[in-house]
Amino acid sequence: MKNREKPLVLRKYEAIFARLPKNSPKRPEIQYEIAKYHKGYIGEKKVDYYLSHLPQRYILLRDV
């Protein structure tokens, strides 16, 4: 199995958040998006872990 990278959209939101002023009205919205994409990423990594224990006779189709 290939190593799963952080999604580009999550990395973009994290970069934007790091540059936002502390009093920006957009901070809560960006934090929400970061949390949402981060949870999805963690969920995908958990599924990858369990799929990695399947016998080699199975073929995994990604992004179908």
Protein backbone atom coordinates (compact mmCIF):
# COMPACT_ATOMS: atom_id res chain seq x y z
CA MET A 1 0.00 0.00 0.00
CA LYS A 2 1.18 3.49 -0.70
CA ASN A 3 1.70 6.00 2.07
CA ARG A 4 -1.27 8.37 2.27
CA GLU A 5 -0.38 12.08 2.31
CA LYS A 6 -2.38 14.84 3.92
CA PRO A 7 -4.94 16.11 1.41
CA LEU A 8 -3.95 19.28 -0.42
CA VAL A 9 -7.10 21.11 0.68
CA LEU A 10 -6.24 20.40 4.35
CA ARG A 11 -2.69 21.67 3.89
CA LYS A 12 -4.05 24.83 2.25
CA TYR A 13 -6.48 25.50 5.09
CA GLU A 14 -3.70 24.99 7.64
CA ALA A 15 -1.46 27.44 5.77
CA ILE A 16 -4.25 30.04 5.60
CA PHE A 17 -5.06 29.60 9.29
CA ALA A 18 -1.42 30.11 10.29
CA ARG A 19 -1.40 33.46 8.48
CA LEU A 20 -4.74 34.79 9.73
CA PRO A 21 -4.73 37.52 12.37
CA LYS A 22 -5.93 36.36 15.78
CA ASN A 23 -9.00 38.62 15.60
CA SER A 24 -10.09 37.62 12.11
CA PRO A 25 -13.82 36.82 11.83
CA LYS A 26 -12.95 33.93 9.45
CA ARG A 27 -10.91 32.00 12.07
CA PRO A 28 -13.82 29.87 13.38
CA GLU A 29 -14.89 28.96 9.84
CA ILE A 30 -11.35 27.95 8.86
CA GLN A 31 -10.93 25.98 12.11
CA TYR A 32 -14.14 24.09 11.35
CA GLU A 33 -12.92 23.20 7.84
CA ILE A 34 -9.55 22.08 9.18
CA ALA A 35 -11.23 19.84 11.77
CA LYS A 36 -13.58 18.37 9.17
CA TYR A 37 -10.84 17.50 6.67
CA HIS A 38 -8.51 16.29 9.42
CA LYS A 39 -11.14 13.86 10.72
CA GLY A 40 -11.66 12.54 7.20
CA TYR A 41 -7.93 12.09 6.72
CA ILE A 42 -7.58 10.21 10.01
CA GLY A 43 -10.55 8.01 9.07
CA GLU A 44 -8.94 7.14 5.74
CA LYS A 45 -5.67 6.25 7.47
CA LYS A 46 -7.55 3.96 9.87
CA VAL A 47 -9.25 2.17 6.98
CA ASP A 48 -5.87 1.85 5.24
CA TYR A 49 -4.48 0.15 8.34
CA TYR A 50 -7.18 -2.52 8.35
CA LEU A 51 -7.02 -3.00 4.59
CA SER A 52 -3.29 -3.56 4.82
CA HIS A 53 -3.97 -6.75 6.79
CA LEU A 54 -5.99 -8.34 3.99
CA PRO A 55 -4.39 -11.26 2.16
CA GLN A 56 -2.51 -10.45 -1.03
CA ARG A 57 -5.17 -12.10 -3.16
CA TYR A 58 -7.41 -9.03 -2.79
CA ILE A 59 -7.10 -6.09 -5.16
CA LEU A 60 -7.79 -2.64 -3.72
CA LEU A 61 -9.35 -0.15 -6.12
CA ARG A 62 -8.75 3.43 -5.03
CA ASP A 63 -10.64 6.55 -6.05
CA VAL A 64 -13.30 4.62 -7.94
